[in-house]
Amino acid sequence: MTTTEILLALFIINLGMVFGAGLYETRIVLPLWFSRTADGKYKVNFDNMRAIDTGRKFWGFVSTGPLTLLTIANLVFAIGSEPPVYTWWLGAALLVFLERLGTFMFFIPTAIKLQKAEALPAHKVSVMVTNWLRLNYLRNAITIIALLMAVKALLLL
């Protein structure tokens, strides 16, 4: 295997783990963090959110560091690749780069705010949770699309 193939394969493996873990978190973990009140607003179970703390206990080791570094490396290699691999690989790397930006600009800061949100008004917390949940579906969709594009690129190598 060449360096290019190894790098793309590692990107695919990591994206697969991130996608699977993202689905697990959406179905299992987030309902432990967020629940609806009688009026349909969201509230945070601060104890669960702080105790489970997937950001520091899991995501940091799977995506925050590794996926970010793999994304940058794959962007560099994809830019230097030839068609038709170029289109699929660069598209996948750019999608994940956008997802990484969203993670660092929205998800991580919002998780930190939500863990300390006892003093915030309930309506503000509900809006933050609503935005989190909606954007998390988008993040999972971006991840699976990028994963499929990366697999297509690898098949074309």
Protein backbone atom coordinates (compact mmCIF):
# COMPACT_ATOMS: atom_id res chain seq x y z
CA MET A 1 0.00 0.00 0.00
CA THR A 2 1.14 3.52 -0.75
CA THR A 3 1.10 6.42 1.71
CA THR A 4 -1.88 7.82 -0.18
CA GLU A 5 -3.86 4.60 0.21
CA ILE A 6 -2.97 4.28 3.89
CA LEU A 7 -3.93 7.88 4.63
CA LEU A 8 -7.25 7.57 2.83
CA ALA A 9 -7.95 4.20 4.49
CA LEU A 10 -7.27 5.67 7.95
CA PHE A 11 -9.59 8.56 7.11
CA ILE A 12 -12.32 6.10 6.13
CA ILE A 13 -11.86 3.97 9.25
CA ASN A 14 -11.97 7.02 11.50
CA LEU A 15 -15.03 8.43 9.72
CA GLY A 16 -16.76 5.07 10.16
CA MET A 17 -16.05 5.11 13.90
CA VAL A 18 -17.19 8.73 14.19
CA PHE A 19 -20.41 8.03 12.29
CA GLY A 20 -21.26 4.95 14.36
CA ALA A 21 -20.43 6.72 17.61
CA GLY A 22 -22.46 9.73 16.48
CA LEU A 23 -25.51 7.55 15.92
CA TYR A 24 -25.00 5.89 19.29
CA GLU A 25 -24.68 9.25 21.00
CA THR A 26 -27.80 10.56 19.24
CA ARG A 27 -29.94 7.56 20.23
CA ILE A 28 -28.52 6.67 23.66
CA VAL A 29 -26.52 9.51 25.21
CA LEU A 30 -28.38 12.68 24.18
CA PRO A 31 -31.70 11.47 25.67
CA LEU A 32 -29.83 11.10 28.97
CA TRP A 33 -28.61 14.70 28.69
CA PHE A 34 -31.71 16.42 27.29
CA SER A 35 -35.38 15.89 27.99
CA ARG A 36 -38.59 17.78 27.24
CA THR A 37 -40.69 19.55 29.81
CA ALA A 38 -44.50 19.48 29.81
CA ASP A 39 -44.57 22.63 27.65
CA GLY A 40 -42.33 21.06 25.00
CA LYS A 41 -39.17 22.94 25.92
CA TYR A 42 -35.88 21.18 26.49
CA LYS A 43 -34.07 20.96 29.78
CA VAL A 44 -30.62 19.64 30.62
CA ASN A 45 -29.84 16.90 33.10
CA PHE A 46 -26.64 18.57 34.29
CA ASP A 47 -25.55 15.65 36.45
CA ASN A 48 -25.79 13.20 33.53
CA MET A 49 -24.11 15.57 31.12
CA ARG A 50 -21.17 16.12 33.44
CA ALA A 51 -20.92 12.47 34.50
CA ILE A 52 -21.09 11.01 30.99
CA ASP A 53 -18.91 13.78 29.46
CA THR A 54 -18.36 12.05 26.13
CA GLY A 55 -16.34 15.00 24.88
CA ARG A 56 -13.41 14.37 27.20
CA LYS A 57 -13.92 10.65 27.74
CA PHE A 58 -14.43 9.62 24.10
CA TRP A 59 -14.62 12.25 21.36
CA GLY A 60 -11.25 13.79 22.14
CA PHE A 61 -9.56 10.48 21.39
CA VAL A 62 -11.62 9.61 18.32
CA SER A 63 -12.45 12.80 16.50
CA THR A 64 -11.25 16.02 18.12
CA GLY A 65 -7.61 15.13 17.64
CA PRO A 66 -7.37 12.19 15.22
CA LEU A 67 -10.13 13.13 12.76
CA THR A 68 -8.97 16.74 12.65
CA LEU A 69 -5.39 15.72 11.87
CA LEU A 70 -6.50 13.11 9.35
CA THR A 71 -8.76 15.68 7.69
CA ILE A 72 -5.92 18.17 7.26
CA ALA A 73 -3.59 15.48 5.91
CA ASN A 74 -6.27 14.18 3.55
CA LEU A 75 -6.97 17.70 2.29
CA VAL A 76 -3.30 18.13 1.43
CA PHE A 77 -3.07 14.75 -0.33
CA ALA A 78 -6.44 15.17 -2.07
CA ILE A 79 -5.40 18.51 -3.54
CA GLY A 80 -2.40 16.78 -5.11
CA SER A 81 -4.40 13.84 -6.46
CA GLU A 82 -5.60 13.30 -10.03
CA PRO A 83 -9.14 13.04 -11.38
CA PRO A 84 -11.41 11.19 -10.85
CA VAL A 85 -10.07 10.48 -7.34
CA TYR A 86 -9.50 14.20 -6.82
CA THR A 87 -13.19 15.14 -6.92
CA TRP A 88 -14.38 12.44 -4.52
CA TRP A 89 -11.47 12.72 -2.12
CA LEU A 90 -11.35 16.50 -1.98
CA GLY A 91 -15.14 16.61 -1.59
CA ALA A 92 -14.99 14.21 1.33
CA ALA A 93 -12.12 16.07 3.01
CA LEU A 94 -13.81 19.46 2.54
CA LEU A 95 -17.08 18.16 4.00
CA VAL A 96 -15.27 16.83 7.06
CA PHE A 97 -13.30 20.07 7.32
CA LEU A 98 -16.63 21.96 7.48
CA GLU A 99 -17.88 19.48 10.09
CA ARG A 100 -14.69 20.01 12.10
CA LEU A 101 -15.20 23.79 11.96
CA GLY A 102 -18.76 23.31 13.19
CA THR A 103 -17.55 21.08 15.98
CA PHE A 104 -14.95 23.55 17.19
CA MET A 105 -17.12 26.64 16.69
CA PHE A 106 -20.48 25.31 17.90
CA PHE A 107 -20.61 21.84 19.46
CA ILE A 108 -17.65 22.05 21.84
CA PRO A 109 -18.40 25.59 23.12
CA THR A 110 -22.11 24.79 23.43
CA ALA A 111 -21.42 21.59 25.37
CA ILE A 112 -19.24 23.53 27.78
CA LYS A 113 -21.94 26.21 28.18
CA LEU A 114 -24.65 23.60 28.69
CA GLN A 115 -22.65 21.84 31.41
CA LYS A 116 -22.64 25.13 33.31
CA ALA A 117 -26.10 26.36 32.31
CA GLU A 118 -27.91 26.10 35.66
CA ALA A 119 -27.83 29.88 35.98
CA LEU A 120 -29.15 30.53 32.45
CA PRO A 121 -32.84 31.17 31.78
CA ALA A 122 -34.76 28.02 30.87
CA HIS A 123 -35.80 29.37 27.47
CA LYS A 124 -32.18 30.09 26.52
CA VAL A 125 -31.15 26.57 27.53
CA SER A 126 -34.02 25.13 25.50
CA VAL A 127 -32.95 27.07 22.41
CA MET A 128 -29.35 25.89 22.83
CA VAL A 129 -30.46 22.26 23.13
CA THR A 130 -32.84 22.56 20.16
CA ASN A 131 -30.03 23.98 18.01
CA TRP A 132 -27.67 21.25 19.23
CA LEU A 133 -30.09 18.45 18.36
CA ARG A 134 -30.96 19.83 14.91
CA LEU A 135 -27.36 20.52 13.95
CA ASN A 136 -26.28 17.13 15.27
CA TYR A 137 -28.49 15.43 12.66
CA LEU A 138 -26.80 17.57 10.01
CA ARG A 139 -23.37 16.68 11.39
CA ASN A 140 -24.18 12.95 11.21
CA ALA A 141 -25.46 13.37 7.64
CA ILE A 142 -22.29 15.20 6.61
CA THR A 143 -20.18 12.44 8.16
CA ILE A 144 -21.90 9.60 6.30
CA ILE A 145 -21.82 11.49 3.00
CA ALA A 146 -18.11 12.21 3.45
CA LEU A 147 -17.49 8.58 4.40
CA LEU A 148 -19.19 7.33 1.24
CA MET A 149 -17.28 9.85 -0.89
CA ALA A 150 -13.98 8.77 0.68
CA VAL A 151 -14.79 5.10 0.01
CA LYS A 152 -15.52 5.98 -3.63
CA ALA A 153 -12.16 7.77 -3.82
CA LEU A 154 -10.35 4.76 -2.39
CA LEU A 155 -12.05 2.48 -4.90
CA LEU A 156 -10.82 4.74 -7.71
CA LEU A 157 -7.17 4.67 -6.58
